[in-house]
N, C-alpha and C. Protein backbone atom coordinates (compact mmCIF):
# COMPACT_ATOMS: atom_id res chain seq x y z
N MET A 1 13.84 53.92 -36.14
CA MET A 1 14.64 54.91 -35.33
C MET A 1 15.71 54.20 -34.48
N SER A 2 16.94 54.71 -34.58
CA SER A 2 17.95 54.08 -33.84
C SER A 2 18.04 54.67 -32.43
N GLU A 3 18.43 53.91 -31.50
CA GLU A 3 18.55 54.35 -30.08
C GLU A 3 19.93 54.95 -29.90
N GLN A 4 20.07 56.15 -29.31
CA GLN A 4 21.36 56.71 -29.07
C GLN A 4 21.80 56.40 -27.60
N CYS A 5 23.03 56.20 -27.47
CA CYS A 5 23.64 55.97 -26.11
C CYS A 5 23.77 57.28 -25.39
N ALA A 6 23.54 57.18 -24.12
CA ALA A 6 23.67 58.43 -23.22
C ALA A 6 25.14 58.80 -23.13
N GLU A 7 25.99 57.80 -23.17
CA GLU A 7 27.46 58.03 -22.93
C GLU A 7 28.15 57.50 -24.19
N PRO A 8 29.20 58.16 -24.61
CA PRO A 8 29.96 57.71 -25.75
C PRO A 8 30.66 56.41 -25.46
N LEU A 9 30.83 55.60 -26.48
CA LEU A 9 31.50 54.32 -26.26
C LEU A 9 33.02 54.57 -26.03
N THR A 10 33.52 53.88 -25.09
CA THR A 10 34.98 54.01 -24.86
C THR A 10 35.57 52.63 -24.89
N PRO A 11 36.71 52.43 -25.43
CA PRO A 11 37.33 51.07 -25.48
C PRO A 11 37.73 50.62 -24.11
N PRO A 12 37.78 49.38 -23.76
CA PRO A 12 38.17 48.88 -22.51
C PRO A 12 39.71 49.26 -22.29
N ALA A 13 40.10 49.37 -21.09
CA ALA A 13 41.56 49.68 -20.71
C ALA A 13 42.36 48.45 -21.16
N PRO A 14 43.54 48.61 -21.73
CA PRO A 14 44.30 47.48 -22.03
C PRO A 14 44.78 46.67 -20.80
N PRO A 15 45.05 45.44 -21.04
CA PRO A 15 45.52 44.65 -19.79
C PRO A 15 46.81 45.32 -19.27
N VAL A 16 46.89 45.25 -17.92
CA VAL A 16 48.04 45.76 -17.32
C VAL A 16 49.18 44.82 -17.49
N ARG A 17 50.31 45.39 -17.99
CA ARG A 17 51.56 44.55 -18.12
C ARG A 17 52.24 44.53 -16.82
N LEU A 18 52.40 43.29 -16.25
CA LEU A 18 53.00 43.11 -14.91
C LEU A 18 54.49 43.18 -15.00
N THR A 19 55.00 44.26 -14.33
CA THR A 19 56.43 44.53 -14.32
C THR A 19 56.86 44.86 -12.92
N PRO A 20 58.13 44.90 -12.62
CA PRO A 20 58.65 45.29 -11.33
C PRO A 20 58.18 46.76 -11.02
N THR A 21 58.11 47.57 -12.03
CA THR A 21 57.63 48.95 -11.81
C THR A 21 56.23 49.04 -11.45
N VAL A 22 55.38 48.21 -11.94
CA VAL A 22 53.93 48.16 -11.59
C VAL A 22 53.82 47.63 -10.15
N ALA A 23 54.59 46.57 -9.88
CA ALA A 23 54.48 45.90 -8.55
C ALA A 23 54.99 46.85 -7.46
N SER A 24 55.83 47.72 -7.73
CA SER A 24 56.46 48.64 -6.68
C SER A 24 55.85 49.97 -6.63
N ASP A 25 54.99 50.28 -7.56
CA ASP A 25 54.35 51.61 -7.65
C ASP A 25 53.30 51.78 -6.65
N PRO A 26 53.34 52.80 -5.70
CA PRO A 26 52.35 52.91 -4.70
C PRO A 26 50.98 53.30 -5.24
N ASP A 27 50.97 53.69 -6.55
CA ASP A 27 49.65 54.04 -7.12
C ASP A 27 48.94 52.84 -7.81
N THR A 28 49.68 51.68 -7.81
CA THR A 28 48.97 50.49 -8.32
C THR A 28 47.90 50.05 -7.43
N PRO A 29 46.72 49.82 -7.94
CA PRO A 29 45.57 49.42 -7.08
C PRO A 29 45.88 48.10 -6.30
N LEU A 30 45.37 48.04 -5.14
CA LEU A 30 45.59 46.87 -4.33
C LEU A 30 45.14 45.56 -4.93
N GLU A 31 44.09 45.62 -5.67
CA GLU A 31 43.59 44.40 -6.40
C GLU A 31 44.67 43.85 -7.34
N ILE A 32 45.43 44.70 -8.02
CA ILE A 32 46.42 44.33 -8.96
C ILE A 32 47.65 43.79 -8.17
N LEU A 33 47.98 44.39 -6.96
CA LEU A 33 49.10 43.91 -6.17
C LEU A 33 48.72 42.43 -5.68
N TRP A 34 47.44 42.25 -5.29
CA TRP A 34 47.04 40.84 -4.92
C TRP A 34 47.15 39.89 -6.08
N HIS A 35 46.78 40.33 -7.25
CA HIS A 35 46.93 39.47 -8.45
C HIS A 35 48.40 39.09 -8.68
N ILE A 36 49.31 40.12 -8.60
CA ILE A 36 50.64 39.81 -8.73
C ILE A 36 51.12 38.77 -7.62
N ALA A 37 50.70 39.02 -6.43
CA ALA A 37 51.16 38.15 -5.27
C ALA A 37 50.73 36.69 -5.55
N ARG A 38 49.48 36.53 -6.15
CA ARG A 38 48.92 35.22 -6.37
C ARG A 38 49.47 34.50 -7.61
N HIS A 39 49.77 35.33 -8.71
CA HIS A 39 50.03 34.76 -9.97
C HIS A 39 51.43 35.04 -10.58
N ALA A 40 52.22 35.89 -9.91
CA ALA A 40 53.47 36.24 -10.47
C ALA A 40 54.51 36.19 -9.40
N PRO A 41 54.93 34.95 -9.00
CA PRO A 41 55.98 34.78 -7.94
C PRO A 41 57.24 35.56 -8.16
N ARG A 42 57.69 35.77 -9.43
CA ARG A 42 58.85 36.45 -9.69
C ARG A 42 58.82 38.01 -9.28
N LEU A 43 57.59 38.43 -9.19
CA LEU A 43 57.38 39.89 -8.81
C LEU A 43 57.03 40.13 -7.41
N ARG A 44 56.86 39.08 -6.59
CA ARG A 44 56.49 39.30 -5.23
C ARG A 44 57.42 40.13 -4.47
N LYS A 45 58.70 40.02 -4.70
CA LYS A 45 59.66 40.78 -3.98
C LYS A 45 59.50 42.31 -4.22
N TRP A 46 58.95 42.62 -5.36
CA TRP A 46 58.74 44.03 -5.72
C TRP A 46 57.49 44.57 -5.01
N VAL A 47 56.51 43.69 -4.77
CA VAL A 47 55.28 44.11 -4.05
C VAL A 47 55.76 44.48 -2.56
N ILE A 48 56.71 43.72 -2.03
CA ILE A 48 57.09 43.93 -0.68
C ILE A 48 57.64 45.37 -0.44
N VAL A 49 58.32 45.90 -1.45
CA VAL A 49 58.87 47.27 -1.30
C VAL A 49 57.86 48.30 -1.63
N ASN A 50 56.63 47.94 -2.04
CA ASN A 50 55.55 48.87 -2.30
C ASN A 50 55.00 49.36 -1.01
N ARG A 51 55.04 50.70 -0.71
CA ARG A 51 54.57 51.21 0.59
C ARG A 51 52.99 51.09 0.68
N SER A 52 52.32 50.78 -0.45
CA SER A 52 50.92 50.59 -0.31
C SER A 52 50.54 49.13 0.09
N ALA A 53 51.40 48.23 0.05
CA ALA A 53 51.21 46.86 0.39
C ALA A 53 50.87 46.80 1.84
N ASP A 54 49.65 46.23 2.26
CA ASP A 54 49.27 46.19 3.64
C ASP A 54 49.72 44.85 4.27
N ALA A 55 49.51 44.78 5.57
CA ALA A 55 50.11 43.65 6.31
C ALA A 55 49.59 42.30 5.88
N ASN A 56 48.34 42.25 5.49
CA ASN A 56 47.67 41.00 4.92
C ASN A 56 48.37 40.51 3.69
N LEU A 57 48.67 41.50 2.77
CA LEU A 57 49.36 41.13 1.54
C LEU A 57 50.79 40.65 1.77
N LEU A 58 51.48 41.37 2.75
CA LEU A 58 52.83 40.92 3.06
C LEU A 58 52.86 39.65 3.73
N GLU A 59 51.89 39.33 4.55
CA GLU A 59 51.76 37.98 5.15
C GLU A 59 51.59 36.92 4.17
N TYR A 60 50.68 37.16 3.21
CA TYR A 60 50.44 36.18 2.14
C TYR A 60 51.68 35.92 1.37
N ILE A 61 52.44 36.92 1.00
CA ILE A 61 53.57 36.80 0.24
C ILE A 61 54.73 36.04 1.08
N SER A 62 54.81 36.38 2.34
CA SER A 62 55.75 35.65 3.18
C SER A 62 55.53 34.19 3.27
N GLN A 63 54.22 33.82 3.28
CA GLN A 63 53.82 32.44 3.35
C GLN A 63 54.00 31.73 2.01
N GLN A 64 53.86 32.42 0.93
CA GLN A 64 53.92 31.83 -0.40
C GLN A 64 55.43 31.71 -0.89
N GLY A 65 56.23 32.68 -0.43
CA GLY A 65 57.64 32.66 -0.88
C GLY A 65 57.82 33.07 -2.37
N GLY A 66 58.97 32.78 -2.80
CA GLY A 66 59.23 33.18 -4.24
C GLY A 66 60.66 33.72 -4.34
N PRO A 67 61.14 33.87 -5.54
CA PRO A 67 62.49 34.37 -5.81
C PRO A 67 62.70 35.70 -5.05
N GLY A 68 63.69 35.75 -4.17
CA GLY A 68 64.09 36.98 -3.44
C GLY A 68 63.17 37.46 -2.40
N VAL A 69 62.06 36.71 -2.07
CA VAL A 69 61.13 37.12 -1.05
C VAL A 69 61.71 37.15 0.30
N ARG A 70 62.46 36.14 0.75
CA ARG A 70 63.02 36.03 2.06
C ARG A 70 64.00 37.18 2.28
N GLU A 71 64.87 37.43 1.29
CA GLU A 71 65.88 38.49 1.42
C GLU A 71 65.23 39.91 1.52
N THR A 72 64.23 40.05 0.60
CA THR A 72 63.54 41.37 0.60
C THR A 72 62.78 41.65 1.93
N LEU A 73 62.12 40.64 2.39
CA LEU A 73 61.44 40.79 3.72
C LEU A 73 62.52 41.09 4.80
N GLN A 74 63.62 40.42 4.78
CA GLN A 74 64.71 40.65 5.77
C GLN A 74 65.11 42.13 5.74
N MET A 75 65.32 42.70 4.46
CA MET A 75 65.74 44.05 4.21
C MET A 75 64.68 45.01 4.80
N LEU A 76 63.41 44.70 4.61
CA LEU A 76 62.33 45.50 5.20
C LEU A 76 62.33 45.52 6.73
N PHE A 77 62.41 44.32 7.27
CA PHE A 77 62.54 44.22 8.71
C PHE A 77 63.71 44.99 9.34
N ASP A 78 64.88 44.85 8.65
CA ASP A 78 66.09 45.52 9.08
C ASP A 78 65.88 47.06 9.01
N SER A 79 65.31 47.55 7.98
CA SER A 79 65.06 49.01 7.85
C SER A 79 64.08 49.53 8.89
N VAL A 80 63.11 48.71 9.25
CA VAL A 80 62.17 49.11 10.32
C VAL A 80 62.89 49.15 11.69
N GLU A 81 63.66 48.11 11.94
CA GLU A 81 64.51 48.21 13.23
C GLU A 81 65.36 49.30 13.25
N ARG A 82 66.11 49.67 12.15
CA ARG A 82 67.05 50.82 12.13
C ARG A 82 66.27 52.13 12.37
N SER A 83 65.07 52.30 11.83
CA SER A 83 64.24 53.44 11.99
C SER A 83 63.81 53.67 13.45
N ARG A 84 63.65 52.53 14.20
CA ARG A 84 63.24 52.57 15.59
C ARG A 84 64.34 52.97 16.51
N ALA A 85 65.54 52.60 16.04
CA ALA A 85 66.73 52.80 16.99
C ALA A 85 67.15 54.26 17.05
């Protein structure tokens, strides 16, 4: 007699393709944003503009640097200053 599974088998989710859209999407899980910050320097600037990125993640990215990171952080800081004025 064969054993039946209580739940139907489902295939695993495909790997997430890391793109600027994924990095800047506020619905992207924080764990994926951290993966991008650690392993995809070219996408770090896109994580900075993600409103779901927390202070720890932004600090990590600022310390690691990468293409466009300094400029993007400066734009973020400038926009915060303008909104306070």
